[in-house]
Amino acid sequence: MNDFENRVESPCVRNCCLNDDDDCLGCFRSLNEIMQWSQATDEERRDFLLNAENRRKAYNLKWNTNR
């Protein structure tokens, strides 16, 4: 396997809709994280994914959903 095959993949679900904070309600990445994704290192991508998971949890608590 080469480095390209080991890259952290995008969590994009092709359901892009930004909230008032510019966070995507499909993948829960911020607009800045989405724009930086292609140039980000795997470490940065993992940080983005952790941020997105925290946003998803906060969204679920606020709106009482299970996404």
PDB file of N, CA and C in Angstrom:
ATOM      1  N   MET A   1       0.831  -1.191   0.000  1.00  0.00           N
ATOM      2  CA  MET A   1       0.000   0.000   0.000  1.00  0.00           C
ATOM      3  C   MET A   1       0.871   1.250   0.000  1.00  0.00           C
ATOM      4  N   ASN A   2       0.431   2.244  -0.727  1.00  0.00           N
ATOM      5  CA  ASN A   2       1.177   3.498  -0.722  1.00  0.00           C
ATOM      6  C   ASN A   2       0.507   4.495   0.225  1.00  0.00           C
ATOM      7  N   ASP A   3       1.140   5.652   0.399  1.00  0.00           N
ATOM      8  CA  ASP A   3       0.618   6.662   1.316  1.00  0.00           C
ATOM      9  C   ASP A   3      -0.777   7.128   0.926  1.00  0.00           C
ATOM     10  N   PHE A   4      -1.051   7.206  -0.364  1.00  0.00           N
ATOM     11  CA  PHE A   4      -2.362   7.656  -0.819  1.00  0.00           C
ATOM     12  C   PHE A   4      -3.462   6.722  -0.333  1.00  0.00           C
ATOM     13  N   GLU A   5      -3.192   5.426  -0.339  1.00  0.00           N
ATOM     14  CA  GLU A   5      -4.193   4.446   0.085  1.00  0.00           C
ATOM     15  C   GLU A   5      -4.428   4.481   1.587  1.00  0.00           C
ATOM     16  N   ASN A   6      -3.480   4.996   2.353  1.00  0.00           N
ATOM     17  CA  ASN A   6      -3.596   5.059   3.804  1.00  0.00           C
ATOM     18  C   ASN A   6      -4.163   6.388   4.304  1.00  0.00           C
ATOM     19  N   ARG A   7      -4.455   7.320   3.418  1.00  0.00           N
ATOM     20  CA  ARG A   7      -4.948   8.635   3.822  1.00  0.00           C
ATOM     21  C   ARG A   7      -6.272   8.512   4.569  1.00  0.00           C
ATOM     22  N   VAL A   8      -6.485   9.421   5.512  1.00  0.00           N
ATOM     23  CA  VAL A   8      -7.755   9.485   6.216  1.00  0.00           C
ATOM     24  C   VAL A   8      -8.792  10.001   5.222  1.00  0.00           C
ATOM     25  N   GLU A   9      -9.861   9.247   5.026  1.00  0.00           N
ATOM     26  CA  GLU A   9     -10.855   9.596   4.021  1.00  0.00           C
ATOM     27  C   GLU A   9     -11.841  10.639   4.519  1.00  0.00           C
ATOM     28  N   SER A  10     -12.370  11.374   3.585  1.00  0.00           N
ATOM     29  CA  SER A  10     -13.351  12.404   3.887  1.00  0.00           C
ATOM     30  C   SER A  10     -14.637  11.782   4.432  1.00  0.00           C
ATOM     31  N   PRO A  11     -15.229  12.412   5.445  1.00  0.00           N
ATOM     32  CA  PRO A  11     -16.490  11.919   5.990  1.00  0.00           C
ATOM     33  C   PRO A  11     -17.706  12.463   5.231  1.00  0.00           C
ATOM     34  N   CYS A  12     -17.466  13.153   4.122  1.00  0.00           N
ATOM     35  CA  CYS A  12     -18.544  13.782   3.367  1.00  0.00           C
ATOM     36  C   CYS A  12     -19.608  12.746   2.994  1.00  0.00           C
ATOM     37  N   VAL A  13     -20.865  13.100   3.243  1.00  0.00           N
ATOM     38  CA  VAL A  13     -21.990  12.224   2.903  1.00  0.00           C
ATOM     39  C   VAL A  13     -22.841  12.836   1.787  1.00  0.00           C
ATOM     40  N   ARG A  14     -22.308  13.862   1.137  1.00  0.00           N
ATOM     41  CA  ARG A  14     -22.976  14.534   0.020  1.00  0.00           C
ATOM     42  C   ARG A  14     -24.352  15.070   0.416  1.00  0.00           C
ATOM     43  N   ASN A  15     -24.426  15.573   1.657  1.00  0.00           N
ATOM     44  CA  ASN A  15     -25.650  16.173   2.173  1.00  0.00           C
ATOM     45  C   ASN A  15     -25.266  17.512   2.807  1.00  0.00           C
ATOM     46  N   CYS A  16     -24.667  18.374   2.001  1.00  0.00           N
ATOM     47  CA  CYS A  16     -24.100  19.626   2.496  1.00  0.00           C
ATOM     48  C   CYS A  16     -25.176  20.661   2.778  1.00  0.00           C
ATOM     49  N   CYS A  17     -25.196  21.110   4.004  1.00  0.00           N
ATOM     50  CA  CYS A  17     -26.101  22.168   4.432  1.00  0.00           C
ATOM     51  C   CYS A  17     -25.446  22.829   5.629  1.00  0.00           C
ATOM     52  N   LEU A  18     -25.052  24.091   5.478  1.00  0.00           N
ATOM     53  CA  LEU A  18     -24.351  24.777   6.554  1.00  0.00           C
ATOM     54  C   LEU A  18     -25.336  25.439   7.506  1.00  0.00           C
ATOM     55  N   ASN A  19     -25.050  25.331   8.803  1.00  0.00           N
ATOM     56  CA  ASN A  19     -25.863  26.025   9.796  1.00  0.00           C
ATOM     57  C   ASN A  19     -25.326  27.446   9.976  1.00  0.00           C
ATOM     58  N   ASP A  20     -25.857  28.162  10.955  1.00  0.00           N
ATOM     59  CA  ASP A  20     -25.445  29.552  11.178  1.00  0.00           C
ATOM     60  C   ASP A  20     -23.986  29.689  11.617  1.00  0.00           C
ATOM     61  N   ASP A  21     -23.393  28.603  12.116  1.00  0.00           N
ATOM     62  CA  ASP A  21     -21.987  28.610  12.537  1.00  0.00           C
ATOM     63  C   ASP A  21     -21.056  28.141  11.422  1.00  0.00           C
ATOM     64  N   ASP A  22     -21.588  27.948  10.222  1.00  0.00           N
ATOM     65  CA  ASP A  22     -20.825  27.417   9.076  1.00  0.00           C
ATOM     66  C   ASP A  22     -20.304  26.011   9.330  1.00  0.00           C
ATOM     67  N   ASP A  23     -21.114  25.201  10.015  1.00  0.00           N
ATOM     68  CA  ASP A  23     -20.822  23.774  10.197  1.00  0.00           C
ATOM     69  C   ASP A  23     -21.767  22.990   9.294  1.00  0.00           C
ATOM     70  N   CYS A  24     -21.234  21.986   8.622  1.00  0.00           N
ATOM     71  CA  CYS A  24     -22.042  21.159   7.731  1.00  0.00           C
ATOM     72  C   CYS A  24     -22.902  20.216   8.567  1.00  0.00           C
ATOM     73  N   LEU A  25     -24.190  20.164   8.275  1.00  0.00           N
ATOM     74  CA  LEU A  25     -25.089  19.274   9.006  1.00  0.00           C
ATOM     75  C   LEU A  25     -25.102  17.862   8.415  1.00  0.00           C
ATOM     76  N   GLY A  26     -24.299  17.645   7.387  1.00  0.00           N
ATOM     77  CA  GLY A  26     -24.143  16.307   6.829  1.00  0.00           C
ATOM     78  C   GLY A  26     -22.993  15.567   7.494  1.00  0.00           C
ATOM     79  N   CYS A  27     -21.813  16.187   7.501  1.00  0.00           N
ATOM     80  CA  CYS A  27     -20.616  15.538   8.064  1.00  0.00           C
ATOM     81  C   CYS A  27     -20.137  16.205   9.351  1.00  0.00           C
ATOM     82  N   PHE A  28     -20.682  17.381   9.666  1.00  0.00           N
ATOM     83  CA  PHE A  28     -20.376  18.140  10.872  1.00  0.00           C
ATOM     84  C   PHE A  28     -18.971  18.742  10.910  1.00  0.00           C
ATOM     85  N   ARG A  29     -18.319  18.814   9.756  1.00  0.00           N
ATOM     86  CA  ARG A  29     -17.071  19.571   9.699  1.00  0.00           C
ATOM     87  C   ARG A  29     -17.409  21.044   9.538  1.00  0.00           C
ATOM     88  N   SER A  30     -16.501  21.908   9.994  1.00  0.00           N
ATOM     89  CA  SER A  30     -16.684  23.338   9.778  1.00  0.00           C
ATOM     90  C   SER A  30     -16.346  23.650   8.318  1.00  0.00           C
ATOM     91  N   LEU A  31     -16.821  24.782   7.855  1.00  0.00           N
ATOM     92  CA  LEU A  31     -16.514  25.193   6.485  1.00  0.00           C
ATOM     93  C   LEU A  31     -15.006  25.292   6.288  1.00  0.00           C
ATOM     94  N   ASN A  32     -14.282  25.826   7.264  1.00  0.00           N
ATOM     95  CA  ASN A  32     -12.822  25.914   7.155  1.00  0.00           C
ATOM     96  C   ASN A  32     -12.188  24.533   7.067  1.00  0.00           C
ATOM     97  N   GLU A  33     -12.681  23.577   7.856  1.00  0.00           N
ATOM     98  CA  GLU A  33     -12.133  22.219   7.796  1.00  0.00           C
ATOM     99  C   GLU A  33     -12.397  21.588   6.434  1.00  0.00           C
ATOM    100  N   ILE A  34     -13.564  21.825   5.891  1.00  0.00           N
ATOM    101  CA  ILE A  34     -13.900  21.291   4.567  1.00  0.00           C
ATOM    102  C   ILE A  34     -12.958  21.878   3.514  1.00  0.00           C
ATOM    103  N   MET A  35     -12.741  23.184   3.576  1.00  0.00           N
ATOM    104  CA  MET A  35     -11.879  23.842   2.589  1.00  0.00           C
ATOM    105  C   MET A  35     -10.422  23.415   2.736  1.00  0.00           C
ATOM    106  N   GLN A  36      -9.983  23.092   3.941  1.00  0.00           N
ATOM    107  CA  GLN A  36      -8.595  22.714   4.181  1.00  0.00           C
ATOM    108  C   GLN A  36      -8.344  21.213   3.989  1.00  0.00           C
ATOM    109  N   TRP A  37      -9.387  20.415   3.872  1.00  0.00           N
ATOM    110  CA  TRP A  37      -9.269  18.961   3.877  1.00  0.00           C
ATOM    111  C   TRP A  37      -8.253  18.429   2.873  1.00  0.00           C
ATOM    112  N   SER A  38      -8.319  18.864   1.644  1.00  0.00           N
ATOM    113  CA  SER A  38      -7.458  18.276   0.605  1.00  0.00           C
ATOM    114  C   SER A  38      -5.973  18.520   0.849  1.00  0.00           C
ATOM    115  N   GLN A  39      -5.635  19.579   1.563  1.00  0.00           N
ATOM    116  CA  GLN A  39      -4.236  19.892   1.837  1.00  0.00           C
ATOM    117  C   GLN A  39      -3.793  19.478   3.247  1.00  0.00           C
ATOM    118  N   ALA A  40      -4.722  18.984   4.051  1.00  0.00           N
ATOM    119  CA  ALA A  40      -4.426  18.653   5.444  1.00  0.00           C
ATOM    120  C   ALA A  40      -3.636  17.356   5.560  1.00  0.00           C
ATOM    121  N   THR A  41      -2.800  17.299   6.578  1.00  0.00           N
ATOM    122  CA  THR A  41      -2.095  16.060   6.896  1.00  0.00           C
ATOM    123  C   THR A  41      -3.092  15.094   7.539  1.00  0.00           C
ATOM    124  N   ASP A  42      -2.709  13.829   7.650  1.00  0.00           N
ATOM    125  CA  ASP A  42      -3.593  12.855   8.303  1.00  0.00           C
ATOM    126  C   ASP A  42      -3.848  13.230   9.757  1.00  0.00           C
ATOM    127  N   GLU A  43      -2.855  13.782  10.424  1.00  0.00           N
ATOM    128  CA  GLU A  43      -3.040  14.207  11.813  1.00  0.00           C
ATOM    129  C   GLU A  43      -4.082  15.330  11.887  1.00  0.00           C
ATOM    130  N   GLU A  44      -3.978  16.288  10.981  1.00  0.00           N
ATOM    131  CA  GLU A  44      -4.964  17.371  10.947  1.00  0.00           C
ATOM    132  C   GLU A  44      -6.349  16.829  10.616  1.00  0.00           C
ATOM    133  N   ARG A  45      -6.418  15.889   9.687  1.00  0.00           N
ATOM    134  CA  ARG A  45      -7.702  15.283   9.325  1.00  0.00           C
ATOM    135  C   ARG A  45      -8.323  14.563  10.525  1.00  0.00           C
ATOM    136  N   ARG A  46      -7.512  13.861  11.291  1.00  0.00           N
ATOM    137  CA  ARG A  46      -8.043  13.186  12.486  1.00  0.00           C
ATOM    138  C   ARG A  46      -8.571  14.210  13.487  1.00  0.00           C
ATOM    139  N   ASP A  47      -7.887  15.344  13.615  1.00  0.00           N
ATOM    140  CA  ASP A  47      -8.377  16.424  14.478  1.00  0.00           C
ATOM    141  C   ASP A  47      -9.714  16.957  13.958  1.00  0.00           C
ATOM    142  N   PHE A  48      -9.819  17.142  12.648  1.00  0.00           N
ATOM    143  CA  PHE A  48     -11.073  17.603  12.058  1.00  0.00           C
ATOM    144  C   PHE A  48     -12.204  16.618  12.363  1.00  0.00           C
ATOM    145  N   LEU A  49     -11.900  15.330  12.250  1.00  0.00           N
ATOM    146  CA  LEU A  49     -12.918  14.304  12.505  1.00  0.00           C
ATOM    147  C   LEU A  49     -13.343  14.294  13.971  1.00  0.00           C
ATOM    148  N   LEU A  50     -12.403  14.507  14.867  1.00  0.00           N
ATOM    149  CA  LEU A  50     -12.732  14.586  16.291  1.00  0.00           C
ATOM    150  C   LEU A  50     -13.616  15.806  16.553  1.00  0.00           C
ATOM    151  N   ASN A  51     -13.258  16.940  15.958  1.00  0.00           N
ATOM    152  CA  ASN A  51     -14.085  18.140  16.084  1.00  0.00           C
ATOM    153  C   ASN A  51     -15.490  17.883  15.552  1.00  0.00           C
ATOM    154  N   ALA A  52     -15.574  17.229  14.403  1.00  0.00           N
ATOM    155  CA  ALA A  52     -16.875  16.941  13.785  1.00  0.00           C
ATOM    156  C   ALA A  52     -17.708  16.026  14.678  1.00  0.00           C
ATOM    157  N   GLU A  53     -17.084  15.036  15.278  1.00  0.00           N
ATOM    158  CA  GLU A  53     -17.814  14.123  16.169  1.00  0.00           C
ATOM    159  C   GLU A  53     -18.343  14.877  17.385  1.00  0.00           C
ATOM    160  N   ASN A  54     -17.555  15.785  17.917  1.00  0.00           N
ATOM    161  CA  ASN A  54     -18.013  16.601  19.052  1.00  0.00           C
ATOM    162  C   ASN A  54     -19.185  17.490  18.642  1.00  0.00           C
ATOM    163  N   ARG A  55     -19.138  18.041  17.435  1.00  0.00           N
ATOM    164  CA  ARG A  55     -20.249  18.860  16.945  1.00  0.00           C
ATOM    165  C   ARG A  55     -21.507  18.009  16.759  1.00  0.00           C
ATOM    166  N   ARG A  56     -21.307  16.794  16.232  1.00  0.00           N
ATOM    167  CA  ARG A  56     -22.437  15.888  16.029  1.00  0.00           C
ATOM    168  C   ARG A  56     -23.106  15.555  17.368  1.00  0.00           C
ATOM    169  N   LYS A  57     -22.317  15.267  18.381  1.00  0.00           N
ATOM    170  CA  LYS A  57     -22.857  14.952  19.704  1.00  0.00           C
ATOM    171  C   LYS A  57     -23.620  16.139  20.283  1.00  0.00           C
ATOM    172  N   ALA A  58     -23.061  17.335  20.155  1.00  0.00           N
ATOM    173  CA  ALA A  58     -23.730  18.536  20.656  1.00  0.00           C
ATOM    174  C   ALA A  58     -25.050  18.761  19.912  1.00  0.00           C
ATOM    175  N   TYR A  59     -25.031  18.550  18.610  1.00  0.00           N
ATOM    176  CA  TYR A  59     -26.246  18.696  17.798  1.00  0.00           C
ATOM    177  C   TYR A  59     -27.307  17.698  18.260  1.00  0.00           C
ATOM    178  N   ASN A  60     -26.903  16.460  18.461  1.00  0.00           N
ATOM    179  CA  ASN A  60     -27.844  15.426  18.885  1.00  0.00           C
ATOM    180  C   ASN A  60     -28.447  15.741  20.246  1.00  0.00           C
ATOM    181  N   LEU A  61     -27.627  16.258  21.157  1.00  0.00           N
ATOM    182  CA  LEU A  61     -28.149  16.635  22.476  1.00  0.00           C
ATOM    183  C   LEU A  61     -29.130  17.801  22.365  1.00  0.00           C
ATOM    184  N   LYS A  62     -28.770  18.781  21.560  1.00  0.00           N
ATOM    185  CA  LYS A  62     -29.616  19.972  21.420  1.00  0.00           C
ATOM    186  C   LYS A  62     -30.952  19.637  20.768  1.00  0.00           C
ATOM    187  N   TRP A  63     -30.913  18.819  19.732  1.00  0.00           N
ATOM    188  CA  TRP A  63     -32.116  18.534  18.967  1.00  0.00           C
ATOM    189  C   TRP A  63     -32.705  17.155  19.272  1.00  0.00           C
ATOM    190  N   ASN A  64     -32.118  16.445  20.240  1.00  0.00           N
ATOM    191  CA  ASN A  64     -32.615  15.142  20.661  1.00  0.00           C
ATOM    192  C   ASN A  64     -32.774  14.170  19.484  1.00  0.00           C
ATOM    193  N   THR A  65     -31.709  14.103  18.680  1.00  0.00           N
ATOM    194  CA  THR A  65     -31.707  13.190  17.541  1.00  0.00           C
ATOM    195  C   THR A  65     -30.655  12.127  17.772  1.00  0.00           C
ATOM    196  N   ASN A  66     -30.605  11.172  16.893  1.00  0.00           N
ATOM    197  CA  ASN A  66     -29.634  10.087  17.022  1.00  0.00           C
ATOM    198  C   ASN A  66     -28.873   9.901  15.707  1.00  0.00           C
ATOM    199  N   ARG A  67     -28.289  10.988  15.189  1.00  0.00           N
ATOM    200  CA  ARG A  67     -27.555  10.932  13.919  1.00  0.00           C
ATOM    201  C   ARG A  67     -26.102  10.663  14.156  1.00  0.00           C
TER     202      ARG A  67
END
